[in-house]
Amino acid sequence: MTTLATTPRTIPAAAPAARFSDLAAAEWIKIRSLRSTPWVIGLTVLFVIGSAAAAALADKEAGSGAGFLPYDAYPPAGYWTLILVAATMGALTVVSEYGSGLIRTTTAAVPARGSVVLAKAAVTAALWSAVGTVAALGSFLVSQAILDGRHAGVPITHPGVFRALVASALLAPVCAVVGLGLGVLLRHAAGTVVTSVFVLLMLPTMFSESNRWSADLKHALVSSAWHRLVQSWEPDPDSLGYTATVPGCWLVYALWPLVTLALAVIVVRRRDV
């Protein structure tokens, strides 16, 4: 009588969970591999710096003893463009994957969807922090070089300059992360871009500072906070309007990306792809 030899079955070991650094590296590869990314970033930085140069050249009233001229260094037209581009690019890091179906592959490889969103946000914030810093520093240096010819330039150590520079540099990552969060919530490219433009650019113009409730709503928006942080002068005590506080504006900068990102993580964990 013969007996059959049985070979014990081996259970393959489970693959180790992806580390956050691996997720961030993968997201960086996705962004870097897009040919349009460096072109969009480069043209945006050039436009922002060029708008500062144009504003400084067009300011005929700049003269000796004028002090820091914030809207020559950081003109609204240039930084509204930066808001638009940063929010749109932040949104596209998410909605492009939903549109192409790549998000299914991503979530199948990494079931921890919240970690994927946080990795996207970390890479997006880091990239646009660098872009915002280059744009803000370039805007200041170019504008002051032009204003020096009229004895109206100031050094970077001049009162009010550093706050305006930091606020302008952080504007890009704040808007990019807000756009990313809205992209996760809406999952539609056109809808996300329209919502981002409305919330970040159009909505502040609908409110005034003449009434308390209207001023409070206006001051709770990102672009209004940027305007206040860039201003180097204190509000007029005799003014009938309600002016935002500097600490409150920094709080707006912190809360908008944190809240939208937290909502995105909560929703993506509970919603089917």
Protein backbone atom coordinates (compact mmCIF):
# COMPACT_ATOMS: atom_id res chain seq x y z
CA MET A 1 0.00 0.00 0.00
CA THR A 2 1.35 3.37 -0.96
CA THR A 3 0.63 6.73 0.61
CA LEU A 4 0.39 10.04 -1.21
CA ALA A 5 2.78 12.69 -0.10
CA THR A 6 1.08 16.03 0.41
CA THR A 7 2.89 19.26 -0.04
CA PRO A 8 1.87 21.89 2.49
CA ARG A 9 0.31 24.97 0.95
CA THR A 10 2.13 28.19 1.54
CA ILE A 11 0.12 31.34 2.05
CA PRO A 12 1.78 34.32 0.43
CA ALA A 13 2.74 37.01 2.87
CA ALA A 14 0.66 40.15 2.69
CA ALA A 15 2.31 43.06 0.97
CA PRO A 16 3.42 45.76 3.39
CA ALA A 17 1.22 48.82 3.54
CA ALA A 18 2.44 51.74 1.48
CA ARG A 19 4.33 54.33 3.50
CA PHE A 20 3.28 57.96 3.33
CA SER A 21 6.63 58.85 1.78
CA ASP A 22 5.95 56.32 -0.99
CA LEU A 23 2.54 57.87 -1.65
CA ALA A 24 4.05 61.34 -1.76
CA ALA A 25 6.77 60.17 -4.15
CA ALA A 26 4.14 58.62 -6.43
CA GLU A 27 2.11 61.83 -6.45
CA TRP A 28 5.22 63.86 -7.25
CA ILE A 29 5.94 61.57 -10.22
CA LYS A 30 2.38 62.08 -11.49
CA ILE A 31 2.69 65.87 -11.31
CA ARG A 32 6.21 65.98 -12.73
CA SER A 33 5.36 63.70 -15.64
CA LEU A 34 2.78 66.13 -17.02
CA ARG A 35 4.42 68.26 -19.69
CA SER A 36 2.04 71.12 -19.07
CA THR A 37 3.02 71.53 -15.40
CA PRO A 38 6.36 73.38 -15.86
CA TRP A 39 4.90 75.52 -18.64
CA VAL A 40 1.88 76.57 -16.60
CA ILE A 41 3.99 77.29 -13.54
CA GLY A 42 6.66 79.16 -15.49
CA LEU A 43 4.19 81.34 -17.38
CA THR A 44 2.23 82.07 -14.21
CA VAL A 45 5.35 83.20 -12.33
CA LEU A 46 6.41 85.36 -15.27
CA PHE A 47 2.96 86.94 -15.45
CA VAL A 48 2.86 87.67 -11.71
CA ILE A 49 6.33 89.23 -11.73
CA GLY A 50 5.52 91.09 -14.96
CA SER A 51 2.36 92.52 -13.42
CA ALA A 52 4.44 93.89 -10.55
CA ALA A 53 6.83 95.49 -13.03
CA ALA A 54 3.91 97.00 -14.96
CA ALA A 55 2.30 98.34 -11.78
CA ALA A 56 5.56 99.93 -10.64
CA LEU A 57 6.15 101.52 -14.05
CA ALA A 58 2.58 102.83 -14.19
CA ASP A 59 2.66 104.39 -10.73
CA LYS A 60 3.38 108.00 -11.64
CA GLU A 61 2.80 109.22 -8.07
CA ALA A 62 5.61 107.17 -6.57
CA GLY A 63 8.22 109.55 -5.27
CA SER A 64 10.69 110.20 -2.52
CA GLY A 65 9.48 109.35 0.98
CA ALA A 66 6.45 107.36 -0.24
CA GLY A 67 7.34 104.31 1.89
CA PHE A 68 6.42 100.77 0.95
CA LEU A 69 3.94 100.65 -1.94
CA PRO A 70 2.36 97.20 -1.50
CA TYR A 71 0.14 97.20 -4.57
CA ASP A 72 3.08 98.03 -6.80
CA ALA A 73 4.98 95.04 -5.45
CA TYR A 74 1.90 92.81 -5.22
CA PRO A 75 -0.72 94.07 -7.69
CA PRO A 76 -4.15 92.42 -7.38
CA ALA A 77 -4.31 91.53 -11.09
CA GLY A 78 -1.23 89.35 -10.86
CA TYR A 79 -2.26 87.66 -7.66
CA TRP A 80 -5.83 87.05 -8.78
CA THR A 81 -4.26 85.16 -11.66
CA LEU A 82 -2.10 83.23 -9.20
CA ILE A 83 -5.21 82.33 -7.18
CA LEU A 84 -6.99 81.09 -10.29
CA VAL A 85 -4.09 79.01 -11.60
CA ALA A 86 -3.13 77.52 -8.22
CA ALA A 87 -6.72 76.52 -7.39
CA THR A 88 -7.24 75.04 -10.85
CA MET A 89 -4.00 73.06 -10.81
CA GLY A 90 -4.74 71.84 -7.29
CA ALA A 91 -8.17 70.65 -8.40
CA LEU A 92 -6.80 68.93 -11.49
CA THR A 93 -4.52 66.71 -9.41
CA VAL A 94 -7.71 64.99 -8.28
CA VAL A 95 -10.41 65.48 -10.89
CA SER A 96 -8.13 64.38 -13.74
CA GLU A 97 -7.84 60.97 -12.07
CA TYR A 98 -11.59 60.77 -11.62
CA GLY A 99 -12.11 61.70 -15.26
CA SER A 100 -9.63 59.15 -16.62
CA GLY A 101 -10.58 56.38 -14.20
CA LEU A 102 -7.05 56.24 -12.80
CA ILE A 103 -8.46 56.82 -9.33
CA ARG A 104 -9.80 53.23 -9.35
CA THR A 105 -6.30 51.89 -9.90
CA THR A 106 -4.94 54.16 -7.19
CA THR A 107 -7.49 53.13 -4.59
CA ALA A 108 -7.12 49.46 -5.52
CA ALA A 109 -3.37 49.69 -4.92
CA VAL A 110 -3.79 51.84 -1.79
CA PRO A 111 -7.12 51.16 -0.01
CA ALA A 112 -6.34 53.91 2.52
CA ARG A 113 -8.03 56.65 0.50
CA GLY A 114 -7.54 59.29 3.14
CA SER A 115 -3.78 58.77 3.01
CA VAL A 116 -3.84 59.21 -0.76
CA VAL A 117 -5.65 62.55 -0.42
CA LEU A 118 -3.23 63.72 2.26
CA ALA A 119 -0.25 62.74 0.10
CA LYS A 120 -1.70 64.71 -2.81
CA ALA A 121 -2.23 67.68 -0.52
CA ALA A 122 1.31 67.51 0.88
CA VAL A 123 2.92 67.43 -2.57
CA THR A 124 0.59 70.15 -3.88
CA ALA A 125 1.27 72.40 -0.90
CA ALA A 126 5.04 71.92 -1.18
CA LEU A 127 5.09 72.61 -4.91
CA TRP A 128 2.96 75.73 -4.73
CA SER A 129 4.80 77.00 -1.67
CA ALA A 130 7.94 77.03 -3.79
CA VAL A 131 6.08 78.67 -6.68
CA GLY A 132 4.52 81.28 -4.40
CA THR A 133 7.86 82.09 -2.79
CA VAL A 134 9.55 82.62 -6.15
CA ALA A 135 6.66 84.75 -7.41
CA ALA A 136 6.42 86.87 -4.25
CA LEU A 137 10.16 87.43 -3.93
CA GLY A 138 10.51 88.14 -7.64
CA SER A 139 7.61 90.60 -7.57
CA PHE A 140 9.15 92.50 -4.70
CA LEU A 141 12.68 92.64 -6.12
CA VAL A 142 11.58 93.68 -9.62
CA SER A 143 9.16 96.34 -8.40
CA GLN A 144 11.66 97.85 -5.98
CA ALA A 145 14.38 97.89 -8.63
CA ILE A 146 12.04 99.98 -10.81
CA LEU A 147 10.92 102.22 -7.95
CA ASP A 148 14.54 102.84 -6.92
CA GLY A 149 14.88 104.95 -10.04
CA ARG A 150 12.31 107.33 -8.52
CA HIS A 151 13.72 107.05 -5.00
CA ALA A 152 10.62 105.13 -3.90
CA GLY A 153 12.12 101.67 -3.41
CA VAL A 154 12.42 100.10 0.03
CA PRO A 155 14.56 97.23 1.38
CA ILE A 156 13.09 93.92 2.42
CA THR A 157 13.60 94.91 6.06
CA HIS A 158 11.23 97.88 5.73
CA PRO A 159 8.19 97.69 8.07
CA GLY A 160 5.30 95.80 6.50
CA VAL A 161 7.33 94.23 3.69
CA PHE A 162 7.95 90.84 5.29
CA ARG A 163 4.28 90.30 6.18
CA ALA A 164 3.17 91.18 2.66
CA LEU A 165 5.83 88.89 1.17
CA VAL A 166 4.86 85.92 3.37
CA ALA A 167 1.13 86.46 2.76
CA SER A 168 1.68 86.61 -1.01
CA ALA A 169 3.94 83.53 -0.98
CA LEU A 170 1.42 81.48 1.04
CA LEU A 171 -1.52 82.55 -1.12
CA ALA A 172 -0.60 79.99 -3.80
CA PRO A 173 -0.44 76.86 -1.58
CA VAL A 174 -3.55 77.90 0.35
CA CYS A 175 -5.59 78.20 -2.87
CA ALA A 176 -4.07 75.05 -4.38
CA VAL A 177 -5.05 72.93 -1.37
CA VAL A 178 -8.52 74.49 -1.30
CA GLY A 179 -8.90 73.61 -4.99
CA LEU A 180 -7.74 70.06 -4.30
CA GLY A 181 -10.25 69.67 -1.48
CA LEU A 182 -13.08 70.97 -3.65
CA GLY A 183 -11.97 68.59 -6.40
CA VAL A 184 -12.34 65.62 -4.06
CA LEU A 185 -15.77 66.82 -2.94
CA LEU A 186 -17.16 67.61 -6.40
CA ARG A 187 -15.20 65.14 -8.63
CA HIS A 188 -15.98 67.18 -11.74
CA ALA A 189 -13.44 69.41 -13.49
CA ALA A 190 -15.72 72.19 -14.70
CA GLY A 191 -17.77 72.27 -11.52
CA THR A 192 -14.66 72.40 -9.34
CA VAL A 193 -13.04 75.21 -11.33
CA VAL A 194 -16.23 77.29 -11.37
CA THR A 195 -16.73 76.76 -7.63
CA SER A 196 -13.11 77.66 -6.89
CA VAL A 197 -13.31 80.85 -8.94
CA PHE A 198 -16.60 81.82 -7.32
CA VAL A 199 -15.46 81.18 -3.74
CA LEU A 200 -11.93 82.55 -4.03
CA LEU A 201 -12.40 85.47 -6.43
CA MET A 202 -16.02 86.45 -7.01
CA LEU A 203 -17.67 85.95 -3.63
CA PRO A 204 -15.62 88.61 -1.78
CA THR A 205 -16.84 91.29 -4.19
CA MET A 206 -20.44 90.61 -3.16
CA PHE A 207 -19.89 91.86 0.38
CA SER A 208 -18.92 95.26 1.73
CA GLU A 209 -17.36 96.45 4.98
CA SER A 210 -20.11 98.93 5.79
CA ASN A 211 -22.18 96.44 7.83
CA ARG A 212 -20.89 94.09 10.52
CA TRP A 213 -22.44 90.90 9.11
CA SER A 214 -21.30 91.69 5.57
CA ALA A 215 -17.80 92.60 6.74
CA ASP A 216 -17.52 89.39 8.77
CA LEU A 217 -18.40 87.29 5.73
CA LYS A 218 -16.01 89.22 3.52
CA HIS A 219 -13.16 88.91 6.01
CA ALA A 220 -13.66 85.15 6.22
CA LEU A 221 -12.59 84.72 2.57
CA VAL A 222 -9.06 84.08 1.35
CA SER A 223 -8.60 86.92 -1.12
CA SER A 224 -9.92 89.48 1.38
CA ALA A 225 -7.46 88.17 3.98
CA TRP A 226 -4.63 88.55 1.47
CA HIS A 227 -5.61 92.17 0.76
CA ARG A 228 -5.51 93.03 4.45
CA LEU A 229 -2.20 91.27 5.07
CA VAL A 230 -0.54 93.05 2.15
CA GLN A 231 -1.63 96.48 3.40
CA SER A 232 1.21 98.10 5.31
CA TRP A 233 -0.91 100.83 6.92
CA GLU A 234 -3.23 100.67 9.88
CA PRO A 235 -6.98 101.21 9.39
CA ASP A 236 -8.34 104.72 9.80
CA PRO A 237 -9.96 104.96 13.27
CA ASP A 238 -12.50 107.46 11.89
CA SER A 239 -13.60 105.13 9.11
CA LEU A 240 -17.18 103.87 9.20
CA GLY A 241 -16.17 100.51 7.76
CA TYR A 242 -15.20 97.36 9.63
CA THR A 243 -11.61 96.36 8.95
CA ALA A 244 -10.26 92.84 9.34
CA THR A 245 -7.63 92.14 11.96
CA VAL A 246 -4.21 90.76 11.04
CA PRO A 247 -4.46 87.70 13.35
CA GLY A 248 -7.91 86.98 11.94
CA CYS A 249 -6.53 87.03 8.40
CA TRP A 250 -3.80 84.54 9.30
CA LEU A 251 -6.51 82.36 10.84
CA VAL A 252 -8.43 82.48 7.55
CA TYR A 253 -5.27 81.36 5.76
CA ALA A 254 -5.00 78.37 8.10
CA LEU A 255 -8.64 77.33 8.31
CA TRP A 256 -9.60 77.26 4.63
CA PRO A 257 -7.14 74.55 3.52
CA LEU A 258 -7.51 72.62 6.79
CA VAL A 259 -11.32 72.54 6.68
CA THR A 260 -11.62 71.69 2.98
CA LEU A 261 -8.95 69.00 3.31
CA ALA A 262 -10.61 67.50 6.40
CA LEU A 263 -13.96 67.37 4.60
CA ALA A 264 -12.29 65.76 1.59
CA VAL A 265 -10.69 63.03 3.74
CA ILE A 266 -13.98 62.30 5.53
CA VAL A 267 -15.96 62.14 2.28
CA VAL A 268 -13.45 60.03 0.34
CA ARG A 269 -13.38 57.43 3.12
CA ARG A 270 -17.17 57.01 3.08
CA ARG A 271 -17.94 57.39 -0.62
CA ASP A 272 -17.49 54.84 -3.39
CA VAL A 273 -15.01 55.69 -6.12
